[in-house]
Amino acid sequence: MHAFDVLGDPVRRRILELLADGEQPAGTIGDAVRREFGISQPAVSQHLKVLREHGFATVRAEGTRRLYAVDPGPLREIDAWLDGFRRFWTPPLAALATELARGRRERRLREDTTNERTDP
């Protein structure tokens, strides 16, 4: 299974989002995913298995609990692959940031001018 096939599933993406906040017990992940997606605990376990088998998540035992965490390796590989495409969105996003800053500056200048006229 290709990395994008793994990440193409919204349940697995959500699990990774939950794990991005730090290590989580399987039960906590399962509760959140079952609540949000309405799937069974065995289905959640299958998604966790796919993430583990493809290197996106690690698991360690702590007593009877299983604690999951993100393994950043495959995500770094995806990021490196995306590097070749960043040129398509980086300049437009930079231009948008410039326009937003310009708009904020102009609004601030208008407010300052209005305040100067109304101040006694």
C-alpha atoms as a PDB file:
ATOM      1  CA  MET A   1       0.000   0.000   0.000  1.00  0.00           C
ATOM      2  CA  HIS A   2       1.373   3.396  -0.991  1.00  0.00           C
ATOM      3  CA  ALA A   3       1.687   6.127   1.646  1.00  0.00           C
ATOM      4  CA  PHE A   4      -1.055   8.164  -0.012  1.00  0.00           C
ATOM      5  CA  ASP A   5      -3.354   5.132   0.067  1.00  0.00           C
ATOM      6  CA  VAL A   6      -2.742   4.905   3.802  1.00  0.00           C
ATOM      7  CA  LEU A   7      -3.419   8.620   4.277  1.00  0.00           C
ATOM      8  CA  GLY A   8      -6.320   8.628   1.813  1.00  0.00           C
ATOM      9  CA  ASP A   9      -8.620   7.220   4.458  1.00  0.00           C
ATOM     10  CA  PRO A  10     -10.221   9.922   6.651  1.00  0.00           C
ATOM     11  CA  VAL A  11     -10.248   7.651   9.712  1.00  0.00           C
ATOM     12  CA  ARG A  12      -6.512   7.049   9.493  1.00  0.00           C
ATOM     13  CA  ARG A  13      -5.861  10.743   8.934  1.00  0.00           C
ATOM     14  CA  ARG A  14      -7.921  11.525  12.055  1.00  0.00           C
ATOM     15  CA  ILE A  15      -5.998   8.958  14.074  1.00  0.00           C
ATOM     16  CA  LEU A  16      -2.735  10.604  13.022  1.00  0.00           C
ATOM     17  CA  GLU A  17      -4.163  14.008  13.989  1.00  0.00           C
ATOM     18  CA  LEU A  18      -4.972  12.633  17.443  1.00  0.00           C
ATOM     19  CA  LEU A  19      -1.491  11.148  17.740  1.00  0.00           C
ATOM     20  CA  ALA A  20       0.137  14.409  16.661  1.00  0.00           C
ATOM     21  CA  ASP A  21      -0.754  15.735  20.120  1.00  0.00           C
ATOM     22  CA  GLY A  22       1.385  13.002  21.668  1.00  0.00           C
ATOM     23  CA  GLU A  23       1.226   9.369  22.630  1.00  0.00           C
ATOM     24  CA  GLN A  24      -2.327   8.094  23.171  1.00  0.00           C
ATOM     25  CA  PRO A  25      -3.789   4.904  24.617  1.00  0.00           C
ATOM     26  CA  ALA A  26      -5.626   2.731  22.097  1.00  0.00           C
ATOM     27  CA  GLY A  27      -8.834   3.149  24.125  1.00  0.00           C
ATOM     28  CA  THR A  28      -8.715   6.936  23.902  1.00  0.00           C
ATOM     29  CA  ILE A  29      -8.129   6.787  20.158  1.00  0.00           C
ATOM     30  CA  GLY A  30     -10.896   4.247  19.751  1.00  0.00           C
ATOM     31  CA  ASP A  31     -13.396   6.307  21.748  1.00  0.00           C
ATOM     32  CA  ALA A  32     -12.718   9.448  19.719  1.00  0.00           C
ATOM     33  CA  VAL A  33     -12.820   7.715  16.345  1.00  0.00           C
ATOM     34  CA  ARG A  34     -15.932   5.671  17.165  1.00  0.00           C
ATOM     35  CA  ARG A  35     -17.699   8.835  18.307  1.00  0.00           C
ATOM     36  CA  GLU A  36     -16.689  10.853  15.216  1.00  0.00           C
ATOM     37  CA  PHE A  37     -17.072   8.173  12.536  1.00  0.00           C
ATOM     38  CA  GLY A  38     -19.544   5.735  14.060  1.00  0.00           C
ATOM     39  CA  ILE A  39     -17.352   2.696  13.426  1.00  0.00           C
ATOM     40  CA  SER A  40     -16.763  -0.323  15.643  1.00  0.00           C
ATOM     41  CA  GLN A  41     -13.787  -0.938  17.919  1.00  0.00           C
ATOM     42  CA  PRO A  42     -12.520  -3.758  15.662  1.00  0.00           C
ATOM     43  CA  ALA A  43     -12.628  -1.356  12.696  1.00  0.00           C
ATOM     44  CA  VAL A  44     -10.563   1.179  14.661  1.00  0.00           C
ATOM     45  CA  SER A  45      -8.106  -1.601  15.492  1.00  0.00           C
ATOM     46  CA  GLN A  46      -7.774  -2.415  11.797  1.00  0.00           C
ATOM     47  CA  HIS A  47      -6.969   1.220  10.990  1.00  0.00           C
ATOM     48  CA  LEU A  48      -4.361   1.281  13.764  1.00  0.00           C
ATOM     49  CA  LYS A  49      -2.896  -1.931  12.340  1.00  0.00           C
ATOM     50  CA  VAL A  50      -2.598  -0.382   8.863  1.00  0.00           C
ATOM     51  CA  LEU A  51      -0.850   2.672  10.330  1.00  0.00           C
ATOM     52  CA  ARG A  52       1.547   0.419  12.282  1.00  0.00           C
ATOM     53  CA  GLU A  53       2.276  -1.924   9.387  1.00  0.00           C
ATOM     54  CA  HIS A  54       3.080   0.956   7.054  1.00  0.00           C
ATOM     55  CA  GLY A  55       5.271   2.744   9.567  1.00  0.00           C
ATOM     56  CA  PHE A  56       3.055   5.737  10.349  1.00  0.00           C
ATOM     57  CA  ALA A  57       2.494   4.743  13.979  1.00  0.00           C
ATOM     58  CA  THR A  58       4.353   2.914  16.691  1.00  0.00           C
ATOM     59  CA  VAL A  59       2.883   1.022  19.620  1.00  0.00           C
ATOM     60  CA  ARG A  60       4.303   0.091  22.977  1.00  0.00           C
ATOM     61  CA  ALA A  61       2.827  -1.919  25.788  1.00  0.00           C
ATOM     62  CA  GLU A  62       2.428  -0.425  29.228  1.00  0.00           C
ATOM     63  CA  GLY A  63       0.850  -3.087  31.378  1.00  0.00           C
ATOM     64  CA  THR A  64      -2.408  -3.980  29.674  1.00  0.00           C
ATOM     65  CA  ARG A  65      -2.557  -0.716  27.734  1.00  0.00           C
ATOM     66  CA  ARG A  66      -1.264  -0.148  24.224  1.00  0.00           C
ATOM     67  CA  LEU A  67       0.135   3.332  23.652  1.00  0.00           C
ATOM     68  CA  TYR A  68       0.302   4.654  20.100  1.00  0.00           C
ATOM     69  CA  ALA A  69       2.501   7.430  18.759  1.00  0.00           C
ATOM     70  CA  VAL A  70       3.272   8.949  15.362  1.00  0.00           C
ATOM     71  CA  ASP A  71       6.347   7.660  13.612  1.00  0.00           C
ATOM     72  CA  PRO A  72       7.523  10.718  11.634  1.00  0.00           C
ATOM     73  CA  GLY A  73       9.619   8.763   9.101  1.00  0.00           C
ATOM     74  CA  PRO A  74       6.946   8.159   6.443  1.00  0.00           C
ATOM     75  CA  LEU A  75       5.603  11.694   6.925  1.00  0.00           C
ATOM     76  CA  ARG A  76       9.082  13.075   6.236  1.00  0.00           C
ATOM     77  CA  GLU A  77       9.214  10.997   3.055  1.00  0.00           C
ATOM     78  CA  ILE A  78       5.869  12.443   1.926  1.00  0.00           C
ATOM     79  CA  ASP A  79       7.065  15.940   2.778  1.00  0.00           C
ATOM     80  CA  ALA A  80      10.212  15.383   0.703  1.00  0.00           C
ATOM     81  CA  TRP A  81       8.106  14.170  -2.237  1.00  0.00           C
ATOM     82  CA  LEU A  82       5.821  17.207  -1.924  1.00  0.00           C
ATOM     83  CA  ASP A  83       8.865  19.497  -2.063  1.00  0.00           C
ATOM     84  CA  GLY A  84       8.794  19.250  -5.845  1.00  0.00           C
ATOM     85  CA  PHE A  85       5.285  20.683  -5.870  1.00  0.00           C
ATOM     86  CA  ARG A  86       5.562  23.474  -3.301  1.00  0.00           C
ATOM     87  CA  ARG A  87       6.397  25.934  -6.084  1.00  0.00           C
ATOM     88  CA  PHE A  88       2.757  25.694  -7.145  1.00  0.00           C
ATOM     89  CA  TRP A  89       1.370  27.022  -3.873  1.00  0.00           C
ATOM     90  CA  THR A  90       4.199  28.821  -2.069  1.00  0.00           C
ATOM     91  CA  PRO A  91       4.269  31.992  -4.260  1.00  0.00           C
ATOM     92  CA  PRO A  92       0.457  32.409  -4.254  1.00  0.00           C
ATOM     93  CA  LEU A  93       0.375  31.936  -0.465  1.00  0.00           C
ATOM     94  CA  ALA A  94       3.182  34.472  -0.036  1.00  0.00           C
ATOM     95  CA  ALA A  95       1.281  36.919  -2.257  1.00  0.00           C
ATOM     96  CA  LEU A  96      -1.857  36.346  -0.191  1.00  0.00           C
ATOM     97  CA  ALA A  97       0.085  37.030   3.019  1.00  0.00           C
ATOM     98  CA  THR A  98       1.400  40.277   1.497  1.00  0.00           C
ATOM     99  CA  GLU A  99      -2.105  41.381   0.494  1.00  0.00           C
ATOM    100  CA  LEU A 100      -3.493  40.557   3.931  1.00  0.00           C
ATOM    101  CA  ALA A 101      -0.722  42.554   5.608  1.00  0.00           C
ATOM    102  CA  ARG A 102      -1.325  45.451   3.218  1.00  0.00           C
ATOM    103  CA  GLY A 103      -5.054  45.391   4.000  1.00  0.00           C
ATOM    104  CA  ARG A 104      -4.396  45.372   7.762  1.00  0.00           C
ATOM    105  CA  ARG A 105      -1.974  48.288   7.409  1.00  0.00           C
ATOM    106  CA  GLU A 106      -4.437  50.304   5.316  1.00  0.00           C
ATOM    107  CA  ARG A 107      -7.254  49.599   7.777  1.00  0.00           C
ATOM    108  CA  ARG A 108      -5.043  50.657  10.687  1.00  0.00           C
ATOM    109  CA  LEU A 109      -4.074  53.871   8.879  1.00  0.00           C
ATOM    110  CA  ARG A 110      -7.754  54.660   8.161  1.00  0.00           C
ATOM    111  CA  GLU A 111      -8.637  54.050  11.808  1.00  0.00           C
ATOM    112  CA  ASP A 112      -5.766  56.263  12.951  1.00  0.00           C
ATOM    113  CA  THR A 113      -6.906  59.045  10.603  1.00  0.00           C
ATOM    114  CA  THR A 114     -10.505  58.715  11.805  1.00  0.00           C
ATOM    115  CA  ASN A 115      -9.408  58.799  15.442  1.00  0.00           C
ATOM    116  CA  GLU A 116      -7.295  61.929  14.837  1.00  0.00           C
ATOM    117  CA  ARG A 117     -10.311  63.752  13.365  1.00  0.00           C
ATOM    118  CA  THR A 118     -12.589  62.792  16.256  1.00  0.00           C
ATOM    119  CA  ASP A 119     -10.123  63.448  19.083  1.00  0.00           C
ATOM    120  CA  PRO A 120     -10.519  66.882  20.698  1.00  0.00           C
END
